[in-house]
């Protein structure tokens, strides 16, 4: 496996993880908003839990985006 192929596969893995965390913070934020307006309160006892989880996923997504940008800048 050449170095370019390895870098490309690393970039794909970072993109996939960022996609999962992006979905996670979006779902958490929508769940929080739904719970906050009283639409649903079936699974979560505290809506702030969803807000905290969404915040962690959001910061993780931003970090992965910065990592991917840094790696693509290093390849040039």
C-alpha atoms as a PDB file:
ATOM      1  CA  UNK A   1       0.000   0.000   0.000  1.00  0.00           C
ATOM      2  CA  UNK A   2       1.494   3.298  -1.027  1.00  0.00           C
ATOM      3  CA  UNK A   3       1.621   6.376   1.167  1.00  0.00           C
ATOM      4  CA  UNK A   4      -0.976   8.186  -0.960  1.00  0.00           C
ATOM      5  CA  UNK A   5      -3.441   5.304  -0.646  1.00  0.00           C
ATOM      6  CA  UNK A   6      -2.945   5.187   3.116  1.00  0.00           C
ATOM      7  CA  UNK A   7      -3.508   8.955   3.418  1.00  0.00           C
ATOM      8  CA  UNK A   8      -6.650   8.672   1.294  1.00  0.00           C
ATOM      9  CA  UNK A   9      -8.018   5.840   3.448  1.00  0.00           C
ATOM     10  CA  UNK A  10      -7.257   7.847   6.626  1.00  0.00           C
ATOM     11  CA  UNK A  11      -9.146  10.779   5.134  1.00  0.00           C
ATOM     12  CA  UNK A  12     -12.092   8.500   4.372  1.00  0.00           C
ATOM     13  CA  UNK A  13     -12.145   7.210   7.944  1.00  0.00           C
ATOM     14  CA  UNK A  14     -12.058  10.758   9.321  1.00  0.00           C
ATOM     15  CA  UNK A  15     -14.923  11.717   7.002  1.00  0.00           C
ATOM     16  CA  UNK A  16     -16.984   8.727   8.136  1.00  0.00           C
ATOM     17  CA  UNK A  17     -16.449   9.435  11.829  1.00  0.00           C
ATOM     18  CA  UNK A  18     -17.237  13.123  11.291  1.00  0.00           C
ATOM     19  CA  UNK A  19     -20.451  12.099   9.525  1.00  0.00           C
ATOM     20  CA  UNK A  20     -21.489   9.947  12.469  1.00  0.00           C
ATOM     21  CA  UNK A  21     -20.727  12.671  15.001  1.00  0.00           C
ATOM     22  CA  UNK A  22     -22.494  15.221  12.792  1.00  0.00           C
ATOM     23  CA  UNK A  23     -25.581  13.046  12.789  1.00  0.00           C
ATOM     24  CA  UNK A  24     -25.216  12.625  16.550  1.00  0.00           C
ATOM     25  CA  UNK A  25     -25.174  16.313  17.390  1.00  0.00           C
ATOM     26  CA  UNK A  26     -28.024  17.033  14.984  1.00  0.00           C
ATOM     27  CA  UNK A  27     -30.189  14.283  16.478  1.00  0.00           C
ATOM     28  CA  UNK A  28     -29.315  15.354  20.029  1.00  0.00           C
ATOM     29  CA  UNK A  29     -30.161  18.982  19.320  1.00  0.00           C
ATOM     30  CA  UNK A  30     -33.472  18.049  17.711  1.00  0.00           C
ATOM     31  CA  UNK A  31     -34.250  15.742  20.632  1.00  0.00           C
ATOM     32  CA  UNK A  32     -33.455  18.513  23.089  1.00  0.00           C
ATOM     33  CA  UNK A  33     -35.630  21.004  21.252  1.00  0.00           C
ATOM     34  CA  UNK A  34     -38.460  18.481  21.025  1.00  0.00           C
ATOM     35  CA  UNK A  35     -38.236  17.776  24.728  1.00  0.00           C
ATOM     36  CA  UNK A  36     -37.889  21.460  25.636  1.00  0.00           C
ATOM     37  CA  UNK A  37     -41.110  22.402  23.839  1.00  0.00           C
ATOM     38  CA  UNK A  38     -42.901  19.431  25.376  1.00  0.00           C
ATOM     39  CA  UNK A  39     -43.314  17.307  22.266  1.00  0.00           C
ATOM     40  CA  UNK A  40     -41.616  14.210  23.664  1.00  0.00           C
ATOM     41  CA  UNK A  41     -40.262  13.123  27.013  1.00  0.00           C
ATOM     42  CA  UNK A  42     -40.356   9.355  26.780  1.00  0.00           C
ATOM     43  CA  UNK A  43     -36.740   8.181  27.071  1.00  0.00           C
ATOM     44  CA  UNK A  44     -34.749  10.996  28.625  1.00  0.00           C
ATOM     45  CA  UNK A  45     -35.344  12.133  32.175  1.00  0.00           C
ATOM     46  CA  UNK A  46     -33.423  15.368  31.709  1.00  0.00           C
ATOM     47  CA  UNK A  47     -33.428  17.261  28.412  1.00  0.00           C
ATOM     48  CA  UNK A  48     -30.103  18.828  29.388  1.00  0.00           C
ATOM     49  CA  UNK A  49     -28.495  15.422  28.889  1.00  0.00           C
ATOM     50  CA  UNK A  50     -29.292  15.661  25.183  1.00  0.00           C
ATOM     51  CA  UNK A  51     -27.834  19.158  25.095  1.00  0.00           C
ATOM     52  CA  UNK A  52     -24.593  17.989  26.724  1.00  0.00           C
ATOM     53  CA  UNK A  53     -24.269  14.975  24.429  1.00  0.00           C
ATOM     54  CA  UNK A  54     -24.979  17.174  21.401  1.00  0.00           C
ATOM     55  CA  UNK A  55     -22.322  19.643  22.522  1.00  0.00           C
ATOM     56  CA  UNK A  56     -19.719  16.887  22.847  1.00  0.00           C
ATOM     57  CA  UNK A  57     -20.569  15.549  19.383  1.00  0.00           C
ATOM     58  CA  UNK A  58     -20.445  19.069  17.919  1.00  0.00           C
ATOM     59  CA  UNK A  59     -17.003  19.808  19.365  1.00  0.00           C
ATOM     60  CA  UNK A  60     -15.791  16.394  18.172  1.00  0.00           C
ATOM     61  CA  UNK A  61     -17.083  17.125  14.665  1.00  0.00           C
ATOM     62  CA  UNK A  62     -15.275  20.464  14.617  1.00  0.00           C
ATOM     63  CA  UNK A  63     -12.069  18.810  15.810  1.00  0.00           C
ATOM     64  CA  UNK A  64     -12.267  16.139  13.123  1.00  0.00           C
ATOM     65  CA  UNK A  65     -12.876  18.805  10.482  1.00  0.00           C
ATOM     66  CA  UNK A  66      -9.814  20.729  11.617  1.00  0.00           C
ATOM     67  CA  UNK A  67      -7.759  17.518  11.654  1.00  0.00           C
ATOM     68  CA  UNK A  68      -8.818  16.706   8.107  1.00  0.00           C
ATOM     69  CA  UNK A  69      -8.014  20.239   6.939  1.00  0.00           C
ATOM     70  CA  UNK A  70      -4.586  20.102   8.589  1.00  0.00           C
ATOM     71  CA  UNK A  71      -3.817  16.746   6.995  1.00  0.00           C
ATOM     72  CA  UNK A  72      -4.854  17.928   3.541  1.00  0.00           C
ATOM     73  CA  UNK A  73      -2.689  21.045   3.959  1.00  0.00           C
ATOM     74  CA  UNK A  74       0.268  18.864   4.983  1.00  0.00           C
ATOM     75  CA  UNK A  75      -0.168  16.705   1.857  1.00  0.00           C
ATOM     76  CA  UNK A  76       0.218  19.718  -0.424  1.00  0.00           C
END
